[in-house]
Structures are given as structure tokens and as C-alpha cells.
Amino acid sequence: MSKEIDKLAWLLVQDGKLLVARSHNKSLFYLPGGKRELAESDQQALSREINEELSVNLHSDSIRYAQTFYAEADGQQEPAIVKLSCYFAEFEGELVASAEIAEIKWLSYQEKAQCSLGAIKVFEWLKQQQAI
């Protein structure tokens, strides 16, 4: 049985493109976000992770659930499944890569091959929703 990695992700779409991030020493792009800490709600954890990774503040009253996706996790020594609980939210501040993030980028649906399997599933869903 595969291990499950439980992560939260922020979906930010502008001009038909999705914001993605690449960590240092990684080649694929992922959705911004991360894991919750003990006793954190999804909203608290997502806000903290986005502030740490991208230096912006999410508007807590604008955070709304989008969808949950499951995909094979990338870069794991043992087989693992990543569970991505995704949320839309408005933000304030200027998007800047920080902490473990080496690069942020806006990718179109046609560029999804640069992403992790989980992010590709999100691209597919956003396309079905006519959001990109």
C-alpha cells in the first residue's frame, strides 16, 4: 500500500494561466502550498505556507474550496500518493519566490508537461471547468 502525502494547494489563475512554483533542486513545477502543522485548519495552513513560499497574504474570507486531487507523488523513494486539497483565494502583496521556492511561473494548459502529475490533474480539471 502506498503512503499518502496530504497537502494543501492554492489555485491562482490569471489571464488563462495557472501560477506554479519550482523548489530548489527540482525540475518539475508544483502548485504552491504545503502540509498543515499540528492543529492547523486547512485555511490556516494554506495561508501560512503561501506567505512562506510566495511572500503574500491570502484574504482569509476569500478562501474557498475547489476540489481534491490524487496523483502519484514525484521524487519519493517509495511509492506514494499525494492528496491535493485545492483552494482558490484572493491575496495582497507582490508574488516573490522565497523559502524553498526557486522559481514561480505562470503556465498555460499547453505547458502543463513541465509540472508534477498532481498539477497536471489540476490543469485538466481547470480546463474542464473552463477556468483556463
C-alpha atoms as a PDB file:
ATOM      1  CA  MET A   1       0.000   0.000   0.000  1.00  0.00           C
ATOM      2  CA  SER A   2       1.314   3.430  -0.952  1.00  0.00           C
ATOM      3  CA  LYS A   3       1.911   6.138   1.597  1.00  0.00           C
ATOM      4  CA  GLU A   4      -0.389   9.183   1.287  1.00  0.00           C
ATOM      5  CA  ILE A   5       1.070  12.690   1.418  1.00  0.00           C
ATOM      6  CA  ASP A   6      -1.619  15.166   2.471  1.00  0.00           C
ATOM      7  CA  LYS A   7      -1.033  18.646   1.004  1.00  0.00           C
ATOM      8  CA  LEU A   8      -2.928  21.878   0.543  1.00  0.00           C
ATOM      9  CA  ALA A   9      -2.603  23.867  -2.679  1.00  0.00           C
ATOM     10  CA  TRP A  10      -3.503  27.364  -3.839  1.00  0.00           C
ATOM     11  CA  LEU A  11      -5.038  27.745  -7.275  1.00  0.00           C
ATOM     12  CA  LEU A  12      -4.376  31.166  -8.749  1.00  0.00           C
ATOM     13  CA  VAL A  13      -5.472  31.669 -12.358  1.00  0.00           C
ATOM     14  CA  GLN A  14      -4.830  34.896 -14.255  1.00  0.00           C
ATOM     15  CA  ASP A  15      -5.177  35.532 -17.968  1.00  0.00           C
ATOM     16  CA  GLY A  16      -5.820  31.826 -18.593  1.00  0.00           C
ATOM     17  CA  LYS A  17      -2.615  30.720 -16.851  1.00  0.00           C
ATOM     18  CA  LEU A  18      -2.020  28.925 -13.547  1.00  0.00           C
ATOM     19  CA  LEU A  19       0.601  30.035 -11.030  1.00  0.00           C
ATOM     20  CA  VAL A  20       3.089  27.253 -10.284  1.00  0.00           C
ATOM     21  CA  ALA A  21       6.286  27.034  -8.247  1.00  0.00           C
ATOM     22  CA  ARG A  22       9.510  25.055  -8.506  1.00  0.00           C
ATOM     23  CA  SER A  23      11.563  24.158  -5.443  1.00  0.00           C
ATOM     24  CA  HIS A  24      15.354  24.356  -5.341  1.00  0.00           C
ATOM     25  CA  ASN A  25      16.997  21.249  -6.849  1.00  0.00           C
ATOM     26  CA  LYS A  26      13.745  20.156  -8.548  1.00  0.00           C
ATOM     27  CA  SER A  27      12.920  20.191 -12.244  1.00  0.00           C
ATOM     28  CA  LEU A  28       9.124  19.996 -12.128  1.00  0.00           C
ATOM     29  CA  PHE A  29       6.705  22.750 -11.149  1.00  0.00           C
ATOM     30  CA  TYR A  30       4.169  22.195  -8.370  1.00  0.00           C
ATOM     31  CA  LEU A  31       1.162  24.030  -7.018  1.00  0.00           C
ATOM     32  CA  PRO A  32       2.063  26.493  -4.254  1.00  0.00           C
ATOM     33  CA  GLY A  33       1.147  25.249  -0.785  1.00  0.00           C
ATOM     34  CA  GLY A  34       2.227  22.537   1.586  1.00  0.00           C
ATOM     35  CA  LYS A  35       1.433  20.431   4.619  1.00  0.00           C
ATOM     36  CA  ARG A  36      -0.544  21.510   7.664  1.00  0.00           C
ATOM     37  CA  GLU A  37       1.073  21.649  11.071  1.00  0.00           C
ATOM     38  CA  LEU A  38      -0.479  20.171  14.194  1.00  0.00           C
ATOM     39  CA  ALA A  39      -3.938  21.631  14.956  1.00  0.00           C
ATOM     40  CA  GLU A  40      -3.959  23.937  11.896  1.00  0.00           C
ATOM     41  CA  SER A  41      -7.085  24.224   9.783  1.00  0.00           C
ATOM     42  CA  ASP A  42      -6.751  23.986   6.008  1.00  0.00           C
ATOM     43  CA  GLN A  43      -7.182  27.763   5.753  1.00  0.00           C
ATOM     44  CA  GLN A  44      -4.554  28.493   8.417  1.00  0.00           C
ATOM     45  CA  ALA A  45      -2.045  26.088   6.911  1.00  0.00           C
ATOM     46  CA  LEU A  46      -2.604  27.306   3.356  1.00  0.00           C
ATOM     47  CA  SER A  47      -2.228  30.953   4.401  1.00  0.00           C
ATOM     48  CA  ARG A  48       0.984  30.191   6.314  1.00  0.00           C
ATOM     49  CA  GLU A  49       2.503  28.129   3.503  1.00  0.00           C
ATOM     50  CA  ILE A  50       1.677  30.714   0.822  1.00  0.00           C
ATOM     51  CA  ASN A  51       3.140  33.510   2.931  1.00  0.00           C
ATOM     52  CA  GLU A  52       6.330  31.471   3.497  1.00  0.00           C
ATOM     53  CA  GLU A  53       6.713  30.425  -0.151  1.00  0.00           C
ATOM     54  CA  LEU A  54       5.437  33.458  -2.068  1.00  0.00           C
ATOM     55  CA  SER A  55       5.558  36.381   0.423  1.00  0.00           C
ATOM     56  CA  VAL A  56       1.873  37.301   0.003  1.00  0.00           C
ATOM     57  CA  ASN A  57      -1.087  37.195   2.376  1.00  0.00           C
ATOM     58  CA  LEU A  58      -4.269  35.356   1.445  1.00  0.00           C
ATOM     59  CA  HIS A  59      -7.534  37.070   2.332  1.00  0.00           C
ATOM     60  CA  SER A  60      -8.971  34.541   4.773  1.00  0.00           C
ATOM     61  CA  ASP A  61     -12.582  35.472   3.960  1.00  0.00           C
ATOM     62  CA  SER A  62     -11.963  34.740   0.255  1.00  0.00           C
ATOM     63  CA  ILE A  63     -10.547  31.201   0.654  1.00  0.00           C
ATOM     64  CA  ARG A  64     -12.919  28.742  -0.999  1.00  0.00           C
ATOM     65  CA  TYR A  65     -12.574  25.045  -1.623  1.00  0.00           C
ATOM     66  CA  ALA A  66     -12.087  23.990  -5.258  1.00  0.00           C
ATOM     67  CA  GLN A  67     -11.500  20.222  -5.433  1.00  0.00           C
ATOM     68  CA  THR A  68      -9.318  17.408  -4.073  1.00  0.00           C
ATOM     69  CA  PHE A  69      -6.999  15.541  -6.421  1.00  0.00           C
ATOM     70  CA  TYR A  70      -4.942  12.353  -6.028  1.00  0.00           C
ATOM     71  CA  ALA A  71      -1.822  11.570  -8.051  1.00  0.00           C
ATOM     72  CA  GLU A  72       1.394   9.602  -7.876  1.00  0.00           C
ATOM     73  CA  ALA A  73       3.899  11.660  -5.900  1.00  0.00           C
ATOM     74  CA  ASP A  74       7.084  12.776  -7.635  1.00  0.00           C
ATOM     75  CA  GLY A  75      10.574  12.298  -6.245  1.00  0.00           C
ATOM     76  CA  GLN A  76       9.697   9.821  -3.482  1.00  0.00           C
ATOM     77  CA  GLN A  77      11.987   6.888  -2.683  1.00  0.00           C
ATOM     78  CA  GLU A  78       8.981   4.639  -2.031  1.00  0.00           C
ATOM     79  CA  PRO A  79       5.696   4.732  -3.957  1.00  0.00           C
ATOM     80  CA  ALA A  80       3.421   7.430  -2.573  1.00  0.00           C
ATOM     81  CA  ILE A  81       0.190   9.152  -3.470  1.00  0.00           C
ATOM     82  CA  VAL A  82      -0.197  12.888  -2.998  1.00  0.00           C
ATOM     83  CA  LYS A  83      -3.596  14.180  -1.927  1.00  0.00           C
ATOM     84  CA  LEU A  84      -4.002  17.810  -3.030  1.00  0.00           C
ATOM     85  CA  SER A  85      -6.826  19.709  -1.348  1.00  0.00           C
ATOM     86  CA  CYS A  86      -7.070  22.790  -3.547  1.00  0.00           C
ATOM     87  CA  TYR A  87      -8.429  26.223  -2.748  1.00  0.00           C
ATOM     88  CA  PHE A  88      -8.982  29.492  -4.582  1.00  0.00           C
ATOM     89  CA  ALA A  89      -8.227  32.728  -2.696  1.00  0.00           C
ATOM     90  CA  GLU A  90      -7.571  36.403  -3.258  1.00  0.00           C
ATOM     91  CA  PHE A  91      -4.325  37.861  -1.960  1.00  0.00           C
ATOM     92  CA  GLU A  92      -2.450  41.043  -1.206  1.00  0.00           C
ATOM     93  CA  GLY A  93       1.217  41.738  -1.765  1.00  0.00           C
ATOM     94  CA  GLU A  94       3.709  41.032  -4.511  1.00  0.00           C
ATOM     95  CA  LEU A  95       4.374  37.429  -5.522  1.00  0.00           C
ATOM     96  CA  VAL A  96       8.031  36.654  -4.781  1.00  0.00           C
ATOM     97  CA  ALA A  97       9.678  33.228  -4.589  1.00  0.00           C
ATOM     98  CA  SER A  98      11.104  32.653  -1.099  1.00  0.00           C
ATOM     99  CA  ALA A  99      11.991  29.870   1.359  1.00  0.00           C
ATOM    100  CA  GLU A 100      12.385  26.620  -0.624  1.00  0.00           C
ATOM    101  CA  ILE A 101      10.932  28.119  -3.818  1.00  0.00           C
ATOM    102  CA  ALA A 102      13.494  28.766  -6.556  1.00  0.00           C
ATOM    103  CA  GLU A 103      11.093  29.999  -9.231  1.00  0.00           C
ATOM    104  CA  ILE A 104       7.461  30.893  -9.803  1.00  0.00           C
ATOM    105  CA  LYS A 105       5.900  30.890 -13.236  1.00  0.00           C
ATOM    106  CA  TRP A 106       2.547  31.337 -14.984  1.00  0.00           C
ATOM    107  CA  LEU A 107       1.875  28.338 -17.210  1.00  0.00           C
ATOM    108  CA  SER A 108      -0.805  27.782 -19.817  1.00  0.00           C
ATOM    109  CA  TYR A 109      -2.639  24.499 -20.276  1.00  0.00           C
ATOM    110  CA  GLN A 110      -0.343  23.726 -23.237  1.00  0.00           C
ATOM    111  CA  GLU A 111       2.708  23.973 -20.938  1.00  0.00           C
ATOM    112  CA  LYS A 112       1.394  21.550 -18.278  1.00  0.00           C
ATOM    113  CA  ALA A 113       4.043  18.907 -19.120  1.00  0.00           C
ATOM    114  CA  GLN A 114       6.512  20.996 -17.058  1.00  0.00           C
ATOM    115  CA  CYS A 115       4.528  20.098 -13.929  1.00  0.00           C
ATOM    116  CA  SER A 116       4.099  17.315 -11.402  1.00  0.00           C
ATOM    117  CA  LEU A 117       1.399  14.711 -12.025  1.00  0.00           C
ATOM    118  CA  GLY A 118      -0.813  16.332  -9.390  1.00  0.00           C
ATOM    119  CA  ALA A 119      -0.542  19.743 -11.033  1.00  0.00           C
ATOM    120  CA  ILE A 120      -1.327  18.186 -14.432  1.00  0.00           C
ATOM    121  CA  LYS A 121      -4.557  16.763 -12.970  1.00  0.00           C
ATOM    122  CA  VAL A 122      -5.437  20.247 -11.736  1.00  0.00           C
ATOM    123  CA  PHE A 123      -4.756  21.691 -15.207  1.00  0.00           C
ATOM    124  CA  GLU A 124      -7.118  19.093 -16.696  1.00  0.00           C
ATOM    125  CA  TRP A 125      -9.838  19.952 -14.176  1.00  0.00           C
ATOM    126  CA  LEU A 126      -9.431  23.709 -14.699  1.00  0.00           C
ATOM    127  CA  LYS A 127      -9.744  23.139 -18.448  1.00  0.00           C
ATOM    128  CA  GLN A 128     -12.978  21.149 -17.923  1.00  0.00           C
ATOM    129  CA  GLN A 129     -14.275  23.962 -15.701  1.00  0.00           C
ATOM    130  CA  GLN A 130     -13.385  26.441 -18.489  1.00  0.00           C
ATOM    131  CA  ALA A 131     -11.244  28.348 -15.982  1.00  0.00           C
ATOM    132  CA  ILE A 132      -8.161  28.269 -18.235  1.00  0.00           C
END
